[in-house]
Amino acid sequence: MKTDLATFNPFDAQTLQCPFPHYAQMREEAPVLLVEGIGVHLVTRHDLVMEVLRDPQTYSSLFGGAGMPLNAEARERLSAVVKDGYPRVPTMLTADQPDHTRYRRLVSKAFHPKVIAELEPFVRQLTVRLIDSWIANGHIEFVKEFGVPLPVEVIAHALNVPQSRLADFKRWSDDSIAGIGTNISLDERVRAEGGVNEFQHYFAEQINLRRTDPRDDILTNLLNASIEDDDPEVTDKRPLDMPEMLSIVAQLLVAGNETTTKMLTEMMRLLAENPEQWQMIKDDPSRIDRVVDETLRLSTPTQGMWRVLTKDTELGGTKLTKGSRIVIVFSSANRDERLFDDPDAFDPDRENLRENLAFGKGIHFCLGANLSRLEGRVALEELSKRIESFTLSSTNKYEYFPSFMLRGLTSLDVDFVAVDKK
């Protein structure tokens, strides 16, 4: 499959469903490609993506919103909606050093390997409960019945969200990513920002409750945290303000469930298409970690990430000017034939699995990587105990979320044969 790179459109419906042939052509012919229609360069080769990740001074994460630029009228309409919530301020993912390091330090303890390991009993209990709810049916819609509820309930547990608000929690998460790498209408953006406001007001109330009723949770830790003031003349530390705390919680919400849902779903698709790998897992569960990593490499839920140039520079022979916006395409880098043999194949035995960029690299390496891997491992351990074999139903349409930055199936119908417990 070849495309005319001069007219390449990342929002084209067919391209969104399968962008990989286009990325392969870019890696070969134009690894730093200016997409004329949107005025953004795509960086598609692994070595060049790494070059960007290693130089956060030149390639800034202060890129603002992760959606496409809007005209003045649209910005004004959105601003009117945002005023009903708290200011959207940059922290962690959308911040540079030293601010990024300060914010990240405040939440890193909550994602320390020891803390994540202590979550395993909860994750396993939840996984078993979900499987129990459908194992007798012989058929499931995997996204709705497993891929969504598992990570949503795990991150809700970490943020102390009650079961009664799980549906709202998922809706707020969907609203938070509605504009990321998509070409949705202004009306849809306005509706989504309204959902973000609702999310903010809920968590602002919860944070304020922690002032008089502290608990052993992330919200209380954020409330008690302090950060160095931006003014170098001020030596006192200050507490986080409400917009900063809400920004951090929002990033934990999205990173903690959306990408894991997409990874779990793609893992089932890949294993159904490679049934010998399913049998190998059942025979040798120690392979599961490799299967999770290969799924992350091949499916890469976070397809890419924005950066903005702080100065004129050259990347891969292409001149870039200060203020230009680029997207480093992790999903293309993860299929770079210069690094991965037969890169489009599902091969959990390949030697350099951990060189994939599914969680990024460098200062912005995903805080939730250990949690996502834990959920993937526990899910496969328990699924492989309860399911003998499975196939993908003929009802599947294999439609992907219409974003060139967050890629995942909207649904996956699975027929299975349960393990006979007799």
Protein backbone atom coordinates (compact mmCIF):
# COMPACT_ATOMS: atom_id res chain seq x y z
CA MET A 1 0.00 0.00 0.00
CA LYS A 2 1.45 3.34 -1.10
CA THR A 3 0.19 6.83 -0.44
CA ASP A 4 1.00 10.23 -1.84
CA LEU A 5 2.83 11.76 1.10
CA ALA A 6 2.24 15.22 -0.36
CA THR A 7 -1.49 14.79 0.26
CA PHE A 8 -1.28 12.58 3.36
CA ASN A 9 -4.14 13.29 5.78
CA PRO A 10 -3.92 11.70 9.25
CA PHE A 11 -7.68 12.27 9.70
CA ASP A 12 -8.64 10.28 6.60
CA ALA A 13 -11.05 7.54 7.70
CA GLN A 14 -9.10 4.70 6.08
CA THR A 15 -5.78 6.02 7.34
CA LEU A 16 -7.10 6.18 10.90
CA GLN A 17 -8.06 2.51 10.69
CA CYS A 18 -4.56 1.43 9.58
CA PRO A 19 -1.85 4.10 9.48
CA PHE A 20 1.12 1.72 9.50
CA PRO A 21 1.79 1.43 5.74
CA HIS A 22 1.87 5.23 5.60
CA TYR A 23 4.32 5.40 8.49
CA ALA A 24 6.56 2.79 6.84
CA GLN A 25 6.70 4.91 3.70
CA MET A 26 7.49 8.01 5.77
CA ARG A 27 10.34 6.24 7.57
CA GLU A 28 11.83 5.38 4.20
CA GLU A 29 11.17 8.56 2.22
CA ALA A 30 10.47 11.43 4.65
CA PRO A 31 11.08 10.58 8.33
CA VAL A 32 10.31 14.19 9.32
CA LEU A 33 7.28 14.94 7.17
CA LEU A 34 5.41 18.24 7.04
CA VAL A 35 1.69 17.46 6.77
CA GLU A 36 0.64 20.49 4.76
CA GLY A 37 -3.04 20.39 5.65
CA ILE A 38 -2.44 20.80 9.38
CA GLY A 39 1.00 22.45 9.44
CA VAL A 40 2.56 19.79 11.68
CA HIS A 41 5.67 17.65 11.17
CA LEU A 42 5.43 13.92 11.91
CA VAL A 43 8.65 12.31 13.20
CA THR A 44 8.45 8.60 12.39
CA ARG A 45 11.89 6.98 12.71
CA HIS A 46 12.98 5.46 16.04
CA ASP A 47 16.39 7.16 16.18
CA LEU A 48 14.86 10.57 15.42
CA VAL A 49 12.07 10.14 17.98
CA MET A 50 14.77 9.29 20.52
CA GLU A 51 16.72 12.40 19.50
CA VAL A 52 13.65 14.49 20.33
CA LEU A 53 13.04 12.72 23.63
CA ARG A 54 16.66 13.26 24.70
CA ASP A 55 16.49 17.02 24.09
CA PRO A 56 13.54 18.49 26.04
CA GLN A 57 15.22 21.91 25.96
CA THR A 58 14.77 22.15 22.18
CA TYR A 59 11.59 20.09 21.91
CA SER A 60 9.30 21.52 24.59
CA SER A 61 6.27 19.82 26.12
CA LEU A 62 4.57 23.19 26.63
CA PHE A 63 2.48 22.52 23.55
CA GLY A 64 -0.83 23.61 25.05
CA GLY A 65 -3.79 21.47 24.09
CA ALA A 66 -3.34 18.12 22.38
CA GLY A 67 -6.01 18.88 19.81
CA MET A 68 -5.71 20.62 16.48
CA PRO A 69 -5.35 24.44 16.44
CA LEU A 70 -8.64 26.36 16.43
CA ASN A 71 -9.67 29.64 14.84
CA ALA A 72 -10.39 32.73 16.96
CA GLU A 73 -14.17 32.22 17.00
CA ALA A 74 -13.83 28.60 18.13
CA ARG A 75 -11.29 29.52 20.82
CA GLU A 76 -13.65 32.19 22.15
CA ARG A 77 -16.56 29.74 22.34
CA LEU A 78 -14.44 27.13 24.11
CA SER A 79 -13.04 29.72 26.51
CA ALA A 80 -16.57 30.61 27.57
CA VAL A 81 -17.14 26.96 28.53
CA VAL A 82 -13.80 26.60 30.31
CA LYS A 83 -14.65 29.61 32.48
CA ASP A 84 -17.27 27.45 34.20
CA GLY A 85 -14.46 25.20 35.42
CA TYR A 86 -10.94 25.74 36.74
CA PRO A 87 -8.06 26.95 34.55
CA ARG A 88 -6.39 24.18 32.55
CA VAL A 89 -2.77 24.54 33.69
CA PRO A 90 0.31 22.59 32.53
CA THR A 91 1.68 19.90 34.85
CA MET A 92 3.78 16.79 34.19
CA LEU A 93 2.88 15.74 30.63
CA THR A 94 2.47 19.33 29.44
CA ALA A 95 5.28 20.92 31.45
CA ASP A 96 9.04 21.32 31.05
CA GLN A 97 11.82 21.18 33.61
CA PRO A 98 12.12 22.24 36.35
CA ASP A 99 8.32 22.44 36.83
CA HIS A 100 7.80 18.98 35.34
CA THR A 101 10.23 17.40 37.80
CA ARG A 102 8.60 19.17 40.76
CA TYR A 103 5.11 18.00 39.83
CA ARG A 104 6.20 14.48 38.96
CA ARG A 105 8.02 14.09 42.26
CA LEU A 106 4.76 14.80 44.11
CA VAL A 107 2.94 11.81 42.61
CA SER A 108 5.80 9.41 41.90
CA LYS A 109 5.47 7.79 45.35
CA ALA A 110 1.94 6.68 44.46
CA PHE A 111 3.36 4.78 41.48
CA HIS A 112 6.47 3.38 43.13
CA PRO A 113 7.00 -0.31 42.19
CA LYS A 114 6.36 -1.33 45.82
CA VAL A 115 3.02 0.50 45.88
CA ILE A 116 2.01 -0.99 42.52
CA ALA A 117 2.93 -4.47 43.76
CA GLU A 118 0.66 -3.95 46.77
CA LEU A 119 -2.22 -3.30 44.34
CA GLU A 120 -1.93 -6.77 42.81
CA PRO A 121 -4.41 -8.51 45.17
CA PHE A 122 -7.06 -5.89 44.35
CA VAL A 123 -6.37 -6.14 40.60
CA ARG A 124 -6.55 -9.93 40.73
CA GLN A 125 -9.77 -9.97 42.77
CA LEU A 126 -11.36 -7.50 40.35
CA THR A 127 -10.17 -9.50 37.33
CA VAL A 128 -11.67 -12.71 38.69
CA ARG A 129 -14.94 -10.95 39.51
CA LEU A 130 -15.23 -9.62 35.97
CA ILE A 131 -14.48 -13.01 34.44
CA ASP A 132 -17.02 -14.67 36.73
CA SER A 133 -19.69 -12.29 35.43
CA TRP A 134 -19.50 -13.64 31.84
CA ILE A 135 -17.53 -16.90 31.77
CA ALA A 136 -20.70 -19.01 31.49
CA ASN A 137 -21.92 -17.13 28.39
CA GLY A 138 -19.40 -18.28 25.77
CA HIS A 139 -19.37 -14.83 24.21
CA ILE A 140 -18.45 -11.30 25.30
CA GLU A 141 -18.01 -7.83 23.88
CA PHE A 142 -14.53 -7.54 25.33
CA VAL A 143 -14.20 -3.75 25.52
CA LYS A 144 -17.43 -3.22 27.45
CA GLU A 145 -17.26 -6.30 29.65
CA PHE A 146 -13.55 -6.41 30.50
CA GLY A 147 -11.29 -3.90 28.72
CA VAL A 148 -13.02 -0.83 30.17
CA PRO A 149 -14.10 -1.89 33.68
CA LEU A 150 -10.77 -3.40 34.75
CA PRO A 151 -8.53 -0.31 34.43
CA VAL A 152 -11.35 2.12 35.24
CA GLU A 153 -12.02 0.43 38.57
CA VAL A 154 -8.30 0.16 39.35
CA ILE A 155 -7.56 3.86 38.86
CA ALA A 156 -10.85 4.78 40.55
CA HIS A 157 -9.70 2.69 43.52
CA ALA A 158 -6.39 4.58 43.56
CA LEU A 159 -8.27 7.90 43.52
CA ASN A 160 -10.85 6.71 46.08
CA VAL A 161 -13.81 7.09 43.73
CA PRO A 162 -16.89 5.17 44.95
CA GLN A 163 -18.51 2.44 42.85
CA SER A 164 -21.59 4.63 42.42
CA ARG A 165 -19.58 7.15 40.37
CA LEU A 166 -17.78 4.72 38.04
CA ALA A 167 -20.03 5.51 35.07
CA ASP A 168 -19.36 9.23 35.54
CA PHE A 169 -15.66 8.49 35.95
CA LYS A 170 -15.52 6.73 32.57
CA ARG A 171 -17.57 9.47 30.91
CA TRP A 172 -15.24 12.15 32.25
CA SER A 173 -12.28 10.17 30.95
CA ASP A 174 -13.85 9.98 27.49
CA ASP A 175 -14.51 13.73 27.57
CA SER A 176 -10.90 14.38 28.54
CA ILE A 177 -9.55 12.61 25.44
CA ALA A 178 -12.30 13.62 22.99
CA GLY A 179 -10.14 16.22 21.27
CA ILE A 180 -6.77 14.43 21.37
CA GLY A 181 -5.61 13.79 17.82
CA THR A 182 -9.17 13.95 16.51
CA ASN A 183 -11.05 16.20 14.11
CA ILE A 184 -14.32 16.40 16.04
CA SER A 185 -16.76 19.26 15.56
CA LEU A 186 -16.75 22.39 17.69
CA ASP A 187 -20.07 21.35 19.23
CA GLU A 188 -18.48 18.05 20.29
CA ARG A 189 -15.50 19.89 21.78
CA VAL A 190 -17.81 22.18 23.73
CA ARG A 191 -19.77 19.21 25.09
CA ALA A 192 -16.54 17.45 26.10
CA GLU A 193 -15.18 20.54 27.87
CA GLY A 194 -18.45 20.69 29.80
CA GLY A 195 -17.75 17.12 30.95
CA VAL A 196 -14.25 18.14 32.01
CA ASN A 197 -15.76 20.95 34.08
CA GLU A 198 -18.03 18.41 35.77
CA PHE A 199 -15.00 16.24 36.53
CA GLN A 200 -13.15 19.23 37.97
CA HIS A 201 -16.00 20.26 40.27
CA TYR A 202 -16.38 16.71 41.58
CA PHE A 203 -12.69 16.32 42.43
CA ALA A 204 -12.39 19.88 43.76
CA GLU A 205 -15.15 18.97 46.22
CA GLN A 206 -13.37 15.73 47.13
CA ILE A 207 -10.05 17.53 47.66
CA ASN A 208 -11.73 20.16 49.86
CA LEU A 209 -13.30 17.37 51.93
CA ARG A 210 -9.78 16.06 52.60
CA ARG A 211 -8.95 19.31 54.40
CA THR A 212 -11.13 18.25 57.34
CA ASP A 213 -11.26 14.51 56.65
CA PRO A 214 -7.80 13.41 55.45
CA ARG A 215 -7.45 9.89 54.09
CA ASP A 216 -4.68 7.61 52.96
CA ASP A 217 -5.05 8.42 49.27
CA ILE A 218 -3.58 10.39 46.37
CA LEU A 219 -5.95 13.35 46.85
CA THR A 220 -4.85 13.87 50.46
CA ASN A 221 -1.22 13.53 49.42
CA LEU A 222 -1.67 16.24 46.77
CA LEU A 223 -3.37 18.49 49.30
CA ASN A 224 -0.47 18.09 51.73
CA ALA A 225 2.23 18.44 49.08
CA SER A 226 4.29 21.56 48.57
CA ILE A 227 6.20 22.87 45.61
CA GLU A 228 8.97 25.38 45.19
CA ASP A 229 7.65 28.76 44.13
CA ASP A 230 8.49 29.86 40.59
CA ASP A 231 10.04 33.08 41.88
CA PRO A 232 13.75 32.36 42.54
CA GLU A 233 13.78 35.09 45.21
CA VAL A 234 11.22 33.16 47.28
CA THR A 235 12.74 30.34 49.31
CA ASP A 236 9.52 29.17 50.98
CA LYS A 237 7.65 26.29 49.50
CA ARG A 238 3.98 26.64 48.61
CA PRO A 239 1.08 24.20 48.45
CA LEU A 240 -0.35 23.18 45.11
CA ASP A 241 -3.28 25.31 44.04
CA MET A 242 -6.56 23.74 42.97
CA PRO A 243 -5.97 23.99 39.17
CA GLU A 244 -2.61 22.23 39.58
CA MET A 245 -4.11 19.44 41.66
CA LEU A 246 -6.95 18.96 39.19
CA SER A 247 -4.53 18.90 36.26
CA ILE A 248 -2.54 16.11 37.92
CA VAL A 249 -5.68 14.12 38.77
CA ALA A 250 -6.93 14.50 35.19
CA GLN A 251 -3.68 13.11 33.80
CA LEU A 252 -3.80 10.19 36.23
CA LEU A 253 -7.41 9.53 35.21
CA VAL A 254 -6.67 9.35 31.48
CA ALA A 255 -3.28 7.65 31.66
CA GLY A 256 -4.60 5.20 34.22
CA ASN A 257 -7.37 3.71 32.14
CA GLU A 258 -7.71 4.74 28.49
CA THR A 259 -4.41 3.34 27.27
CA THR A 260 -4.74 0.15 29.31
CA THR A 261 -8.21 -0.52 27.88
CA LYS A 262 -6.79 -0.22 24.39
CA MET A 263 -3.79 -2.43 25.23
CA LEU A 264 -5.93 -5.20 26.75
CA THR A 265 -8.26 -5.22 23.75
CA GLU A 266 -5.46 -5.33 21.20
CA MET A 267 -3.81 -8.12 23.19
CA MET A 268 -6.91 -10.27 22.80
CA ARG A 269 -7.10 -9.50 19.10
CA LEU A 270 -3.46 -10.39 18.55
CA LEU A 271 -3.71 -13.60 20.54
CA ALA A 272 -6.86 -14.64 18.63
CA GLU A 273 -4.98 -14.06 15.39
CA ASN A 274 -2.01 -16.02 16.74
CA PRO A 275 -3.65 -18.93 18.59
CA GLU A 276 -0.36 -20.77 19.00
CA GLN A 277 0.73 -17.93 21.32
CA TRP A 278 -2.38 -18.47 23.46
CA GLN A 279 -1.52 -22.12 23.87
CA MET A 280 2.09 -21.23 24.68
CA ILE A 281 0.85 -18.92 27.45
CA LYS A 282 -1.35 -21.66 28.89
CA ASP A 283 1.59 -24.06 28.82
CA ASP A 284 4.08 -21.53 30.19
CA PRO A 285 2.61 -18.48 32.01
CA SER A 286 6.12 -17.05 32.46
CA ARG A 287 5.80 -15.84 28.85
CA ILE A 288 3.06 -13.40 29.76
CA ASP A 289 5.29 -10.40 30.47
CA ARG A 290 6.80 -10.75 26.99
CA VAL A 291 3.36 -10.98 25.41
CA VAL A 292 2.33 -7.77 27.19
CA ASP A 293 5.45 -5.95 25.99
CA GLU A 294 5.06 -7.17 22.41
CA THR A 295 1.43 -6.04 22.44
CA LEU A 296 2.52 -2.61 23.61
CA ARG A 297 5.13 -2.44 20.85
CA LEU A 298 2.85 -3.58 18.07
CA SER A 299 -0.36 -1.80 19.11
CA THR A 300 1.09 1.27 20.95
CA PRO A 301 -2.11 2.81 22.37
CA THR A 302 -0.50 6.24 22.68
CA GLN A 303 0.42 6.60 19.02
CA GLY A 304 2.37 9.79 19.48
CA MET A 305 2.88 12.98 21.43
CA TRP A 306 3.16 16.68 20.65
CA ARG A 307 6.25 18.84 21.02
CA VAL A 308 6.88 22.50 20.17
CA LEU A 309 10.25 23.90 19.04
CA THR A 310 11.94 26.42 21.32
CA LYS A 311 14.49 27.39 18.66
CA ASP A 312 15.40 26.81 15.04
CA THR A 313 17.02 23.42 14.54
CA GLU A 314 17.49 20.55 12.12
CA LEU A 315 16.15 17.04 12.59
CA GLY A 316 16.84 14.20 10.20
CA GLY A 317 17.96 16.65 7.53
CA THR A 318 14.76 18.71 7.86
CA LYS A 319 14.93 22.30 9.05
CA LEU A 320 12.46 23.17 11.79
CA THR A 321 11.72 26.71 12.97
CA LYS A 322 11.06 28.03 16.45
CA GLY A 323 7.40 27.67 17.38
CA SER A 324 6.76 24.78 14.99
CA ARG A 325 4.66 21.89 16.32
CA ILE A 326 5.70 18.30 15.74
CA VAL A 327 4.29 14.90 16.64
CA ILE A 328 6.74 12.17 17.62
CA VAL A 329 5.05 9.02 16.35
CA PHE A 330 5.76 6.26 18.87
CA SER A 331 3.70 3.71 16.93
CA SER A 332 5.88 4.21 13.85
CA ALA A 333 9.13 4.10 15.85
CA ASN A 334 7.95 0.81 17.38
CA ARG A 335 7.73 -0.70 13.90
CA ASP A 336 11.02 0.67 12.63
CA GLU A 337 12.69 -2.07 10.58
CA ARG A 338 16.08 -0.60 11.44
CA LEU A 339 15.57 -1.81 15.01
CA PHE A 340 12.94 -4.56 14.91
CA ASP A 341 13.17 -7.54 12.54
CA ASP A 342 9.90 -8.28 10.73
CA PRO A 343 8.35 -5.34 12.64
CA ASP A 344 4.72 -5.97 11.67
CA ALA A 345 4.77 -9.52 13.09
CA PHE A 346 3.57 -10.45 16.57
CA ASP A 347 6.67 -12.03 18.09
CA PRO A 348 6.94 -12.03 21.90
CA ASP A 349 10.33 -13.78 21.60
CA ARG A 350 12.10 -10.90 19.86
CA GLU A 351 15.22 -9.84 21.76
CA ASN A 352 14.84 -6.06 22.05
CA LEU A 353 11.28 -5.77 23.30
CA ARG A 354 12.06 -3.19 25.97
CA GLU A 355 13.39 -0.76 23.37
CA ASN A 356 9.81 -0.01 22.34
CA LEU A 357 8.47 3.47 23.07
CA ALA A 358 4.91 2.64 24.10
CA PHE A 359 5.47 4.46 27.41
CA GLY A 360 7.84 7.07 26.00
CA LYS A 361 11.38 7.59 27.30
CA GLY A 362 13.32 10.13 29.28
CA ILE A 363 11.85 12.62 31.73
CA HIS A 364 8.29 12.03 30.50
CA PHE A 365 8.40 8.23 30.73
CA CYS A 366 4.88 7.15 31.71
CA LEU A 367 4.38 7.09 35.48
CA GLY A 368 1.74 4.41 35.09
CA ALA A 369 3.86 1.96 33.09
CA ASN A 370 4.24 -0.47 36.00
CA LEU A 371 0.52 -0.34 36.75
CA SER A 372 -0.42 -0.97 33.12
CA ARG A 373 1.98 -3.91 32.88
CA LEU A 374 0.59 -5.30 36.15
CA GLU A 375 -2.97 -5.13 34.83
CA GLY A 376 -1.93 -6.75 31.56
CA ARG A 377 -0.09 -9.57 33.32
CA VAL A 378 -2.83 -10.32 35.85
CA ALA A 379 -5.50 -10.16 33.15
CA LEU A 380 -3.68 -12.71 30.99
CA GLU A 381 -2.90 -14.97 33.93
CA GLU A 382 -6.54 -15.16 34.95
CA LEU A 383 -8.01 -15.24 31.44
CA SER A 384 -5.70 -18.09 30.43
CA LYS A 385 -6.80 -20.09 33.49
CA ARG A 386 -10.48 -19.77 32.59
CA ILE A 387 -10.56 -19.76 28.77
CA GLU A 388 -9.50 -22.84 26.82
CA SER A 389 -9.63 -21.23 23.39
CA PHE A 390 -11.27 -18.28 21.69
CA THR A 391 -11.94 -16.75 18.28
CA LEU A 392 -13.03 -13.36 16.99
CA SER A 393 -16.70 -13.27 16.07
CA SER A 394 -17.89 -12.67 12.51
CA THR A 395 -19.83 -9.67 13.83
CA ASN A 396 -16.64 -7.66 14.35
CA LYS A 397 -16.16 -4.49 12.31
CA TYR A 398 -12.71 -3.72 13.78
CA GLU A 399 -13.35 0.00 14.00
CA TYR A 400 -10.75 2.15 15.76
CA PHE A 401 -11.28 5.29 17.80
CA PRO A 402 -10.96 8.18 15.28
CA SER A 403 -7.73 9.65 16.62
CA PHE A 404 -4.25 9.56 15.13
CA MET A 405 -2.80 9.86 18.65
CA LEU A 406 -4.83 7.41 20.75
CA ARG A 407 -5.49 4.14 18.92
CA GLY A 408 -7.79 1.41 20.12
CA LEU A 409 -10.72 -0.70 19.00
CA THR A 410 -14.16 0.63 19.87
CA SER A 411 -15.43 -2.93 20.39
CA LEU A 412 -14.29 -6.56 20.07
CA ASP A 413 -16.69 -9.50 19.93
CA VAL A 414 -15.09 -12.69 21.23
CA ASP A 415 -16.42 -16.27 21.18
CA PHE A 416 -14.71 -18.59 23.64
CA VAL A 417 -14.69 -22.07 25.13
CA ALA A 418 -14.35 -22.00 28.91
CA VAL A 419 -12.02 -24.35 30.72
CA ASP A 420 -13.88 -27.45 31.90
CA LYS A 421 -13.48 -27.44 35.71
CA LYS A 422 -14.60 -31.05 36.07
